[in-house]
C-alpha atoms as a PDB file:
ATOM      1  CA  MET A   1     188.691 194.694 122.998  1.00  0.00           C
ATOM      2  CA  ARG A   2     189.029 193.305 119.425  1.00  0.00           C
ATOM      3  CA  THR A   3     192.458 191.858 118.344  1.00  0.00           C
ATOM      4  CA  LEU A   4     193.242 192.151 114.557  1.00  0.00           C
ATOM      5  CA  ASP A   5     195.578 189.019 113.965  1.00  0.00           C
ATOM      6  CA  PHE A   6     198.625 189.477 111.540  1.00  0.00           C
ATOM      7  CA  SER A   7     201.790 187.089 110.319  1.00  0.00           C
ATOM      8  CA  VAL A   8     204.707 188.812 109.593  1.00  0.00           C
ATOM      9  CA  SER A   9     207.607 187.198 107.570  1.00  0.00           C
ATOM     10  CA  GLY A  10     210.674 189.229 106.557  1.00  0.00           C
ATOM     11  CA  GLN A  11     208.774 192.374 105.443  1.00  0.00           C
ATOM     12  CA  THR A  12     205.735 190.914 104.213  1.00  0.00           C
ATOM     13  CA  VAL A  13     202.597 191.374 106.542  1.00  0.00           C
ATOM     14  CA  THR A  14     199.604 189.252 106.000  1.00  0.00           C
ATOM     15  CA  ARG A  15     196.144 189.555 107.606  1.00  0.00           C
ATOM     16  CA  VAL A  16     195.093 186.291 109.880  1.00  0.00           C
ATOM     17  CA  GLY A  17     191.352 186.059 110.435  1.00  0.00           C
ATOM     18  CA  ASP A  18     188.332 188.277 110.197  1.00  0.00           C
ATOM     19  CA  PHE A  19     188.854 191.825 109.098  1.00  0.00           C
ATOM     20  CA  SER A  20     185.183 192.689 108.268  1.00  0.00           C
ATOM     21  CA  SER A  21     183.265 194.812 110.562  1.00  0.00           C
ATOM     22  CA  ILE A  22     185.773 197.016 111.734  1.00  0.00           C
ATOM     23  CA  ILE A  23     183.829 200.019 112.806  1.00  0.00           C
ATOM     24  CA  LYS A  24     185.585 203.723 112.380  1.00  0.00           C
ATOM     25  CA  GLY A  25     185.259 206.039 115.210  1.00  0.00           C
ATOM     26  CA  SER A  26     185.842 203.259 118.096  1.00  0.00           C
ATOM     27  CA  LYS A  27     188.309 204.381 120.712  1.00  0.00           C
ATOM     28  CA  GLY A  28     190.432 201.985 123.078  1.00  0.00           C
ATOM     29  CA  TYR A  29     189.092 198.791 121.518  1.00  0.00           C
ATOM     30  CA  LEU A  30     191.315 197.530 118.887  1.00  0.00           C
ATOM     31  CA  GLN A  31     194.845 195.930 119.479  1.00  0.00           C
ATOM     32  CA  CYS A  32     197.120 194.309 116.896  1.00  0.00           C
ATOM     33  CA  ARG A  33     198.919 190.934 117.326  1.00  0.00           C
ATOM     34  CA  PHE A  34     201.824 189.980 115.306  1.00  0.00           C
ATOM     35  CA  ASP A  35     203.288 186.324 114.562  1.00  0.00           C
ATOM     36  CA  LEU A  36     206.810 187.400 113.701  1.00  0.00           C
ATOM     37  CA  SER A  37     209.339 185.233 111.754  1.00  0.00           C
ATOM     38  CA  ASN A  38     212.671 184.640 113.259  1.00  0.00           C
ATOM     39  CA  GLU A  39     214.346 187.479 111.902  1.00  0.00           C
ATOM     40  CA  TRP A  40     212.448 189.778 114.161  1.00  0.00           C
ATOM     41  CA  THR A  41     213.872 188.492 117.071  1.00  0.00           C
ATOM     42  CA  THR A  42     216.686 190.468 117.587  1.00  0.00           C
ATOM     43  CA  TYR A  43     215.140 193.748 116.877  1.00  0.00           C
ATOM     44  CA  ARG A  44     212.879 196.452 119.032  1.00  0.00           C
ATOM     45  CA  ILE A  45     209.784 196.709 117.204  1.00  0.00           C
ATOM     46  CA  ALA A  46     207.167 199.315 116.405  1.00  0.00           C
ATOM     47  CA  ALA A  47     204.141 199.778 114.747  1.00  0.00           C
ATOM     48  CA  ILE A  48     203.629 202.776 112.437  1.00  0.00           C
ATOM     49  CA  PHE A  49     199.882 203.811 112.060  1.00  0.00           C
ATOM     50  CA  GLN A  50     198.674 206.385 109.677  1.00  0.00           C
ATOM     51  CA  TYR A  51     195.470 207.994 108.447  1.00  0.00           C
ATOM     52  CA  LYS A  52     196.209 211.060 106.183  1.00  0.00           C
ATOM     53  CA  ASP A  53     198.595 213.235 107.683  1.00  0.00           C
ATOM     54  CA  GLN A  54     198.233 211.793 111.170  1.00  0.00           C
ATOM     55  CA  VAL A  55     201.273 209.174 111.920  1.00  0.00           C
ATOM     56  CA  GLU A  56     201.353 207.219 115.340  1.00  0.00           C
ATOM     57  CA  LEU A  57     204.627 205.124 116.029  1.00  0.00           C
ATOM     58  CA  VAL A  58     203.626 202.694 119.100  1.00  0.00           C
ATOM     59  CA  GLN A  59     205.813 200.236 120.436  1.00  0.00           C
ATOM     60  CA  VAL A  60     205.052 196.337 120.036  1.00  0.00           C
ATOM     61  CA  GLU A  61     205.777 194.135 123.052  1.00  0.00           C
ATOM     62  CA  ASN A  62     205.323 190.731 123.245  1.00  0.00           C
ATOM     63  CA  GLY A  63     204.054 190.868 119.847  1.00  0.00           C
ATOM     64  CA  ILE A  64     201.095 193.221 120.797  1.00  0.00           C
ATOM     65  CA  CYS A  65     200.157 196.957 120.528  1.00  0.00           C
ATOM     66  CA  ASN A  66     196.855 198.836 120.755  1.00  0.00           C
ATOM     67  CA  VAL A  67     195.744 200.866 117.738  1.00  0.00           C
ATOM     68  CA  PRO A  68     195.897 204.480 118.521  1.00  0.00           C
ATOM     69  CA  ASP A  69     192.604 206.465 118.562  1.00  0.00           C
ATOM     70  CA  SER A  70     194.103 209.181 116.473  1.00  0.00           C
ATOM     71  CA  VAL A  71     194.020 206.873 113.539  1.00  0.00           C
ATOM     72  CA  THR A  72     190.319 205.268 113.983  1.00  0.00           C
ATOM     73  CA  ASP A  73     187.861 207.917 112.620  1.00  0.00           C
ATOM     74  CA  GLY A  74     188.307 207.518 108.998  1.00  0.00           C
ATOM     75  CA  ASP A  75     187.420 204.823 106.408  1.00  0.00           C
ATOM     76  CA  TYR A  76     190.659 203.182 106.876  1.00  0.00           C
ATOM     77  CA  PHE A  77     194.171 203.413 108.457  1.00  0.00           C
ATOM     78  CA  LEU A  78     197.562 202.102 107.329  1.00  0.00           C
ATOM     79  CA  LEU A  79     200.075 200.184 109.163  1.00  0.00           C
ATOM     80  CA  LYS A  80     203.701 198.773 108.850  1.00  0.00           C
ATOM     81  CA  LEU A  81     206.121 197.935 111.267  1.00  0.00           C
ATOM     82  CA  LEU A  82     209.682 198.865 111.904  1.00  0.00           C
ATOM     83  CA  GLY A  83     212.394 197.035 113.609  1.00  0.00           C
ATOM     84  CA  VAL A  84     215.443 198.728 114.854  1.00  0.00           C
ATOM     85  CA  LYS A  85     218.603 197.059 115.785  1.00  0.00           C
ATOM     86  CA  SER A  86     220.722 200.283 115.885  1.00  0.00           C
ATOM     87  CA  ALA A  87     220.974 203.683 114.414  1.00  0.00           C
ATOM     88  CA  ASN A  88     222.084 202.475 111.226  1.00  0.00           C
ATOM     89  CA  GLN A  89     220.273 198.911 111.122  1.00  0.00           C
ATOM     90  CA  TYR A  90     216.682 198.701 110.674  1.00  0.00           C
ATOM     91  CA  PHE A  91     214.090 197.787 108.332  1.00  0.00           C
ATOM     92  CA  TYR A  92     210.192 198.136 107.365  1.00  0.00           C
ATOM     93  CA  THR A  93     207.569 195.824 106.358  1.00  0.00           C
ATOM     94  CA  GLU A  94     205.486 196.556 103.576  1.00  0.00           C
ATOM     95  CA  THR A  95     202.374 198.845 104.385  1.00  0.00           C
ATOM     96  CA  ILE A  96     198.892 197.302 104.803  1.00  0.00           C
ATOM     97  CA  LEU A  97     195.434 198.885 104.595  1.00  0.00           C
ATOM     98  CA  ILE A  98     192.966 198.236 107.274  1.00  0.00           C
ATOM     99  CA  GLU A  99     189.446 199.223 106.028  1.00  0.00           C
ATOM    100  CA  GLN A 100     186.645 200.630 108.720  1.00  0.00           C
ATOM    101  CA  GLU A 101     183.216 200.673 108.118  1.00  0.00           C
ATOM    102  CA  ASP A 102     180.278 203.297 109.252  1.00  0.00           C
END
């Protein structure tokens, strides 16, 4: 399994390490690992993955989640995080583009 590493500070997401040669169409192969800043510690966290109209919400546990197979068939997918404390206390990160190759 390949791990894509990110640093998350507040609402900013930064790629860490090598993001080359991510091959589109791979299934059950990609996971994301997030190094989260302190403001995330009291929130439940979900990753939101999107490719065109396909949107998947995946729970992040211990800073890690799998990339859903439904978003890996294109040239890219989008990723952002959602932190939820209550129905009226939540926040998102910026959206980051992850490119994939043939």
